[in-house]
Protein backbone atom coordinates (compact mmCIF):
# COMPACT_ATOMS: atom_id res chain seq x y z
CA UNK A 1 0.00 0.00 0.00
CA UNK A 2 1.28 3.43 -0.86
CA UNK A 3 2.30 5.75 1.93
CA UNK A 4 -0.28 8.31 0.77
CA UNK A 5 -3.14 5.81 1.18
CA UNK A 6 -1.90 4.81 4.62
CA UNK A 7 -1.85 8.46 5.63
CA UNK A 8 -5.41 8.94 4.43
CA UNK A 9 -6.59 5.96 6.48
CA UNK A 10 -4.78 7.28 9.56
CA UNK A 11 -6.41 10.69 9.09
CA UNK A 12 -9.78 8.97 8.72
CA UNK A 13 -9.20 7.10 12.00
CA UNK A 14 -8.22 10.26 13.86
CA UNK A 15 -11.23 12.09 12.43
CA UNK A 16 -13.52 9.28 13.56
CA UNK A 17 -12.06 9.35 17.07
CA UNK A 18 -12.88 13.05 17.26
CA UNK A 19 -16.34 12.62 15.69
CA UNK A 20 -17.29 9.78 18.08
CA UNK A 21 -15.95 11.58 21.16
CA UNK A 22 -18.41 12.54 23.86
CA UNK A 23 -18.31 16.36 23.42
CA UNK A 24 -18.97 16.17 19.68
CA UNK A 25 -21.62 13.46 19.92
CA UNK A 26 -23.47 15.41 22.63
CA UNK A 27 -24.06 18.15 20.07
CA UNK A 28 -26.50 15.77 18.37
CA UNK A 29 -28.22 14.64 21.57
CA UNK A 30 -31.54 16.41 21.15
CA UNK A 31 -35.22 15.66 21.20
CA UNK A 32 -35.49 15.97 17.42
CA UNK A 33 -36.18 12.88 15.38
CA UNK A 34 -35.38 11.88 11.81
CA UNK A 35 -37.93 9.44 10.39
CA UNK A 36 -38.82 8.43 13.94
CA UNK A 37 -35.24 7.79 15.08
CA UNK A 38 -33.40 9.94 17.62
CA UNK A 39 -30.90 12.39 16.15
CA UNK A 40 -27.98 10.85 18.06
CA UNK A 41 -28.64 7.41 16.58
CA UNK A 42 -28.92 8.84 13.06
CA UNK A 43 -25.63 10.71 13.59
CA UNK A 44 -23.78 7.57 14.73
CA UNK A 45 -25.01 5.36 11.91
CA UNK A 46 -24.57 8.00 9.20
CA UNK A 47 -21.02 8.66 10.36
CA UNK A 48 -20.31 4.93 10.53
CA UNK A 49 -21.65 4.36 7.01
CA UNK A 50 -19.71 7.33 5.63
CA UNK A 51 -16.49 6.07 7.19
CA UNK A 52 -16.94 2.59 5.70
CA UNK A 53 -17.59 4.03 2.24
CA UNK A 54 -14.61 6.39 2.53
CA UNK A 55 -12.28 3.60 3.66
CA UNK A 56 -13.54 1.40 0.81
CA UNK A 57 -12.81 4.12 -1.75
CA UNK A 58 -9.31 4.67 -0.37
CA UNK A 59 -8.48 0.96 -0.37
CA UNK A 60 -10.07 0.43 -3.80
CA UNK A 61 -7.78 3.08 -5.31
CA UNK A 62 -4.82 1.06 -4.00
CA UNK A 63 -5.76 -1.97 -6.08
PDB file of N, CA and C in Angstrom:
ATOM      1  N   UNK A   1       0.847  -1.163   0.000  1.00  0.00           N
ATOM      2  CA  UNK A   1       0.000   0.000   0.000  1.00  0.00           C
ATOM      3  C   UNK A   1       0.901   1.237   0.000  1.00  0.00           C
ATOM      4  N   UNK A   2       0.497   2.213  -0.774  1.00  0.00           N
ATOM      5  CA  UNK A   2       1.280   3.433  -0.859  1.00  0.00           C
ATOM      6  C   UNK A   2       1.187   4.218   0.448  1.00  0.00           C
ATOM      7  N   UNK A   3       2.242   4.956   0.711  1.00  0.00           N
ATOM      8  CA  UNK A   3       2.300   5.752   1.934  1.00  0.00           C
ATOM      9  C   UNK A   3       1.155   6.758   1.987  1.00  0.00           C
ATOM     10  N   UNK A   4       0.795   7.320   0.832  1.00  0.00           N
ATOM     11  CA  UNK A   4      -0.283   8.311   0.770  1.00  0.00           C
ATOM     12  C   UNK A   4      -1.621   7.711   1.207  1.00  0.00           C
ATOM     13  N   UNK A   5      -1.883   6.460   0.800  1.00  0.00           N
ATOM     14  CA  UNK A   5      -3.137   5.807   1.181  1.00  0.00           C
ATOM     15  C   UNK A   5      -3.144   5.485   2.671  1.00  0.00           C
ATOM     16  N   UNK A   6      -1.993   5.074   3.188  1.00  0.00           N
ATOM     17  CA  UNK A   6      -1.901   4.805   4.623  1.00  0.00           C
ATOM     18  C   UNK A   6      -2.154   6.077   5.420  1.00  0.00           C
ATOM     19  N   UNK A   7      -1.637   7.190   4.941  1.00  0.00           N
ATOM     20  CA  UNK A   7      -1.846   8.460   5.629  1.00  0.00           C
ATOM     21  C   UNK A   7      -3.316   8.864   5.610  1.00  0.00           C
ATOM     22  N   UNK A   8      -3.984   8.616   4.514  1.00  0.00           N
ATOM     23  CA  UNK A   8      -5.413   8.935   4.426  1.00  0.00           C
ATOM     24  C   UNK A   8      -6.219   8.097   5.412  1.00  0.00           C
ATOM     25  N   UNK A   9      -5.869   6.818   5.542  1.00  0.00           N
ATOM     26  CA  UNK A   9      -6.589   5.960   6.480  1.00  0.00           C
ATOM     27  C   UNK A   9      -6.311   6.365   7.926  1.00  0.00           C
ATOM     28  N   UNK A  10      -5.098   6.811   8.211  1.00  0.00           N
ATOM     29  CA  UNK A  10      -4.780   7.285   9.561  1.00  0.00           C
ATOM     30  C   UNK A  10      -5.557   8.558   9.866  1.00  0.00           C
ATOM     31  N   UNK A  11      -5.622   9.471   8.895  1.00  0.00           N
ATOM     32  CA  UNK A  11      -6.408  10.694   9.092  1.00  0.00           C
ATOM     33  C   UNK A  11      -7.895  10.377   9.281  1.00  0.00           C
ATOM     34  N   UNK A  12      -8.391   9.386   8.556  1.00  0.00           N
ATOM     35  CA  UNK A  12      -9.784   8.965   8.719  1.00  0.00           C
ATOM     36  C   UNK A  12     -10.006   8.440  10.134  1.00  0.00           C
ATOM     37  N   UNK A  13      -9.075   7.651  10.648  1.00  0.00           N
ATOM     38  CA  UNK A  13      -9.200   7.105  12.000  1.00  0.00           C
ATOM     39  C   UNK A  13      -9.184   8.202  13.054  1.00  0.00           C
ATOM     40  N   UNK A  14      -8.290   9.155  12.898  1.00  0.00           N
ATOM     41  CA  UNK A  14      -8.223  10.262  13.856  1.00  0.00           C
ATOM     42  C   UNK A  14      -9.500  11.098  13.791  1.00  0.00           C
ATOM     43  N   UNK A  15      -9.977  11.346  12.581  1.00  0.00           N
ATOM     44  CA  UNK A  15     -11.233  12.088  12.432  1.00  0.00           C
ATOM     45  C   UNK A  15     -12.412  11.369  13.065  1.00  0.00           C
ATOM     46  N   UNK A  16     -12.438  10.050  12.947  1.00  0.00           N
ATOM     47  CA  UNK A  16     -13.524   9.284  13.561  1.00  0.00           C
ATOM     48  C   UNK A  16     -13.432   9.295  15.083  1.00  0.00           C
ATOM     49  N   UNK A  17     -12.209   9.268  15.620  1.00  0.00           N
ATOM     50  CA  UNK A  17     -12.060   9.351  17.072  1.00  0.00           C
ATOM     51  C   UNK A  17     -12.615  10.678  17.587  1.00  0.00           C
ATOM     52  N   UNK A  18     -12.358  11.745  16.861  1.00  0.00           N
ATOM     53  CA  UNK A  18     -12.880  13.053  17.256  1.00  0.00           C
ATOM     54  C   UNK A  18     -14.403  13.089  17.083  1.00  0.00           C
ATOM     55  N   UNK A  19     -14.891  12.561  15.973  1.00  0.00           N
ATOM     56  CA  UNK A  19     -16.336  12.616  15.690  1.00  0.00           C
ATOM     57  C   UNK A  19     -17.151  11.761  16.662  1.00  0.00           C
ATOM     58  N   UNK A  20     -16.578  10.648  17.140  1.00  0.00           N
ATOM     59  CA  UNK A  20     -17.291   9.783  18.075  1.00  0.00           C
ATOM     60  C   UNK A  20     -17.026  10.150  19.535  1.00  0.00           C
ATOM     61  N   UNK A  21     -16.235  11.188  19.777  1.00  0.00           N
ATOM     62  CA  UNK A  21     -15.954  11.578  21.162  1.00  0.00           C
ATOM     63  C   UNK A  21     -17.224  12.143  21.805  1.00  0.00           C
ATOM     64  N   UNK A  22     -17.228  12.121  23.111  1.00  0.00           N
ATOM     65  CA  UNK A  22     -18.412  12.541  23.859  1.00  0.00           C
ATOM     66  C   UNK A  22     -18.806  14.002  23.600  1.00  0.00           C
ATOM     67  N   UNK A  23     -17.870  14.963  23.637  1.00  0.00           N
ATOM     68  CA  UNK A  23     -18.312  16.359  23.422  1.00  0.00           C
ATOM     69  C   UNK A  23     -18.952  16.595  22.054  1.00  0.00           C
ATOM     70  N   UNK A  24     -18.414  15.971  21.020  1.00  0.00           N
ATOM     71  CA  UNK A  24     -18.974  16.170  19.683  1.00  0.00           C
ATOM     72  C   UNK A  24     -20.305  15.437  19.541  1.00  0.00           C
ATOM     73  N   UNK A  25     -20.382  14.224  20.061  1.00  0.00           N
ATOM     74  CA  UNK A  25     -21.622  13.464  19.920  1.00  0.00           C
ATOM     75  C   UNK A  25     -22.752  14.066  20.760  1.00  0.00           C
ATOM     76  N   UNK A  26     -22.422  14.769  21.837  1.00  0.00           N
ATOM     77  CA  UNK A  26     -23.472  15.413  22.629  1.00  0.00           C
ATOM     78  C   UNK A  26     -24.111  16.586  21.897  1.00  0.00           C
ATOM     79  N   UNK A  27     -23.455  17.095  20.879  1.00  0.00           N
ATOM     80  CA  UNK A  27     -24.059  18.149  20.067  1.00  0.00           C
ATOM     81  C   UNK A  27     -25.317  17.652  19.355  1.00  0.00           C
ATOM     82  N   UNK A  28     -25.368  16.352  19.092  1.00  0.00           N
ATOM     83  CA  UNK A  28     -26.497  15.768  18.368  1.00  0.00           C
ATOM     84  C   UNK A  28     -27.501  15.092  19.304  1.00  0.00           C
ATOM     85  N   UNK A  29     -27.308  15.236  20.604  1.00  0.00           N
ATOM     86  CA  UNK A  29     -28.221  14.644  21.572  1.00  0.00           C
ATOM     87  C   UNK A  29     -29.368  15.612  21.823  1.00  0.00           C
ATOM     88  N   UNK A  30     -30.394  15.504  21.018  1.00  0.00           N
ATOM     89  CA  UNK A  30     -31.537  16.408  21.148  1.00  0.00           C
ATOM     90  C   UNK A  30     -32.832  15.610  21.052  1.00  0.00           C
ATOM     91  N   UNK A  31     -33.901  16.298  21.253  1.00  0.00           N
ATOM     92  CA  UNK A  31     -35.224  15.663  21.197  1.00  0.00           C
ATOM     93  C   UNK A  31     -35.737  15.497  19.764  1.00  0.00           C
ATOM     94  N   UNK A  32     -35.047  16.072  18.807  1.00  0.00           N
ATOM     95  CA  UNK A  32     -35.488  15.970  17.420  1.00  0.00           C
ATOM     96  C   UNK A  32     -35.348  14.541  16.923  1.00  0.00           C
ATOM     97  N   UNK A  33     -36.200  14.209  15.971  1.00  0.00           N
ATOM     98  CA  UNK A  33     -36.179  12.878  15.383  1.00  0.00           C
ATOM     99  C   UNK A  33     -36.101  12.982  13.871  1.00  0.00           C
ATOM    100  N   UNK A  34     -35.458  11.977  13.258  1.00  0.00           N
ATOM    101  CA  UNK A  34     -35.377  11.879  11.807  1.00  0.00           C
ATOM    102  C   UNK A  34     -36.020  10.550  11.429  1.00  0.00           C
ATOM    103  N   UNK A  35     -37.155  10.632  10.780  1.00  0.00           N
ATOM    104  CA  UNK A  35     -37.929   9.444  10.391  1.00  0.00           C
ATOM    105  C   UNK A  35     -38.246   8.553  11.595  1.00  0.00           C
ATOM    106  N   UNK A  36     -38.459   9.176  12.742  1.00  0.00           N
ATOM    107  CA  UNK A  36     -38.822   8.429  13.942  1.00  0.00           C
ATOM    108  C   UNK A  36     -37.650   7.952  14.770  1.00  0.00           C
ATOM    109  N   UNK A  37     -36.430   8.204  14.334  1.00  0.00           N
ATOM    110  CA  UNK A  37     -35.239   7.785  15.078  1.00  0.00           C
ATOM    111  C   UNK A  37     -34.599   8.999  15.743  1.00  0.00           C
ATOM    112  N   UNK A  38     -34.058   8.810  16.947  1.00  0.00           N
ATOM    113  CA  UNK A  38     -33.399   9.935  17.616  1.00  0.00           C
ATOM    114  C   UNK A  38     -32.206  10.456  16.805  1.00  0.00           C
ATOM    115  N   UNK A  39     -31.960  11.740  16.923  1.00  0.00           N
ATOM    116  CA  UNK A  39     -30.904  12.395  16.145  1.00  0.00           C
ATOM    117  C   UNK A  39     -29.531  11.788  16.444  1.00  0.00           C
ATOM    118  N   UNK A  40     -29.270  11.419  17.689  1.00  0.00           N
ATOM    119  CA  UNK A  40     -27.979  10.848  18.060  1.00  0.00           C
ATOM    120  C   UNK A  40     -27.737   9.522  17.352  1.00  0.00           C
ATOM    121  N   UNK A  41     -28.759   8.688  17.269  1.00  0.00           N
ATOM    122  CA  UNK A  41     -28.637   7.408  16.578  1.00  0.00           C
ATOM    123  C   UNK A  41     -28.405   7.596  15.083  1.00  0.00           C
ATOM    124  N   UNK A  42     -29.104   8.542  14.486  1.00  0.00           N
ATOM    125  CA  UNK A  42     -28.917   8.836  13.064  1.00  0.00           C
ATOM    126  C   UNK A  42     -27.502   9.341  12.817  1.00  0.00           C
ATOM    127  N   UNK A  43     -26.993  10.189  13.712  1.00  0.00           N
ATOM    128  CA  UNK A  43     -25.627  10.711  13.592  1.00  0.00           C
ATOM    129  C   UNK A  43     -24.607   9.572  13.621  1.00  0.00           C
ATOM    130  N   UNK A  44     -24.737   8.669  14.604  1.00  0.00           N
ATOM    131  CA  UNK A  44     -23.778   7.567  14.725  1.00  0.00           C
ATOM    132  C   UNK A  44     -23.779   6.671  13.490  1.00  0.00           C
ATOM    133  N   UNK A  45     -24.951   6.277  13.040  1.00  0.00           N
ATOM    134  CA  UNK A  45     -25.008   5.361  11.912  1.00  0.00           C
ATOM    135  C   UNK A  45     -24.643   6.024  10.585  1.00  0.00           C
ATOM    136  N   UNK A  46     -24.968   7.294  10.415  1.00  0.00           N
ATOM    137  CA  UNK A  46     -24.567   8.002   9.196  1.00  0.00           C
ATOM    138  C   UNK A  46     -23.050   8.176   9.158  1.00  0.00           C
ATOM    139  N   UNK A  47     -22.466   8.512  10.281  1.00  0.00           N
ATOM    140  CA  UNK A  47     -21.017   8.659  10.364  1.00  0.00           C
ATOM    141  C   UNK A  47     -20.319   7.326  10.128  1.00  0.00           C
ATOM    142  N   UNK A  48     -20.868   6.266  10.698  1.00  0.00           N
ATOM    143  CA  UNK A  48     -20.308   4.932  10.530  1.00  0.00           C
ATOM    144  C   UNK A  48     -20.366   4.507   9.054  1.00  0.00           C
ATOM    145  N   UNK A  49     -21.502   4.726   8.410  1.00  0.00           N
ATOM    146  CA  UNK A  49     -21.654   4.359   7.006  1.00  0.00           C
ATOM    147  C   UNK A  49     -20.722   5.188   6.122  1.00  0.00           C
ATOM    148  N   UNK A  50     -20.600   6.472   6.405  1.00  0.00           N
ATOM    149  CA  UNK A  50     -19.715   7.334   5.626  1.00  0.00           C
ATOM    150  C   UNK A  50     -18.256   6.915   5.790  1.00  0.00           C
ATOM    151  N   UNK A  51     -17.881   6.495   6.979  1.00  0.00           N
ATOM    152  CA  UNK A  51     -16.492   6.066   7.194  1.00  0.00           C
ATOM    153  C   UNK A  51     -16.197   4.754   6.466  1.00  0.00           C
ATOM    154  N   UNK A  52     -17.141   3.847   6.422  1.00  0.00           N
ATOM    155  CA  UNK A  52     -16.942   2.592   5.702  1.00  0.00           C
ATOM    156  C   UNK A  52     -16.803   2.852   4.207  1.00  0.00           C
ATOM    157  N   UNK A  53     -17.645   3.703   3.673  1.00  0.00           N
ATOM    158  CA  UNK A  53     -17.591   4.026   2.244  1.00  0.00           C
ATOM    159  C   UNK A  53     -16.281   4.740   1.911  1.00  0.00           C
ATOM    160  N   UNK A  54     -15.864   5.674   2.766  1.00  0.00           N
ATOM    161  CA  UNK A  54     -14.608   6.389   2.535  1.00  0.00           C
ATOM    162  C   UNK A  54     -13.414   5.446   2.577  1.00  0.00           C
ATOM    163  N   UNK A  55     -13.376   4.561   3.563  1.00  0.00           N
ATOM    164  CA  UNK A  55     -12.276   3.600   3.656  1.00  0.00           C
ATOM    165  C   UNK A  55     -12.274   2.667   2.445  1.00  0.00           C
ATOM    166  N   UNK A  56     -13.452   2.263   1.985  1.00  0.00           N
ATOM    167  CA  UNK A  56     -13.540   1.399   0.814  1.00  0.00           C
ATOM    168  C   UNK A  56     -12.977   2.090  -0.426  1.00  0.00           C
ATOM    169  N   UNK A  57     -13.309   3.364  -0.594  1.00  0.00           N
ATOM    170  CA  UNK A  57     -12.808   4.117  -1.755  1.00  0.00           C
ATOM    171  C   UNK A  57     -11.295   4.256  -1.689  1.00  0.00           C
ATOM    172  N   UNK A  58     -10.760   4.527  -0.509  1.00  0.00           N
ATOM    173  CA  UNK A  58      -9.308   4.671  -0.366  1.00  0.00           C
ATOM    174  C   UNK A  58      -8.601   3.354  -0.679  1.00  0.00           C
ATOM    175  N   UNK A  59      -9.113   2.260  -0.140  1.00  0.00           N
ATOM    176  CA  UNK A  59      -8.481   0.955  -0.367  1.00  0.00           C
ATOM    177  C   UNK A  59      -8.660   0.517  -1.823  1.00  0.00           C
ATOM    178  N   UNK A  60      -9.808   0.826  -2.411  1.00  0.00           N
ATOM    179  CA  UNK A  60     -10.075   0.431  -3.803  1.00  0.00           C
ATOM    180  C   UNK A  60      -9.107   1.131  -4.752  1.00  0.00           C
ATOM    181  N   UNK A  61      -8.736   2.376  -4.477  1.00  0.00           N
ATOM    182  CA  UNK A  61      -7.781   3.081  -5.309  1.00  0.00           C
ATOM    183  C   UNK A  61      -6.392   2.431  -5.242  1.00  0.00           C
ATOM    184  N   UNK A  62      -6.102   1.740  -4.154  1.00  0.00           N
ATOM    185  CA  UNK A  62      -4.816   1.062  -4.002  1.00  0.00           C
ATOM    186  C   UNK A  62      -4.696  -0.092  -4.992  1.00  0.00           C
ATOM    187  N   UNK A  63      -5.797  -0.804  -5.184  1.00  0.00           N
ATOM    188  CA  UNK A  63      -5.757  -1.973  -6.080  1.00  0.00           C
ATOM    189  C   UNK A  63      -5.866  -1.542  -7.475  1.00  0.00           C
TER     190      UNK A  63
END
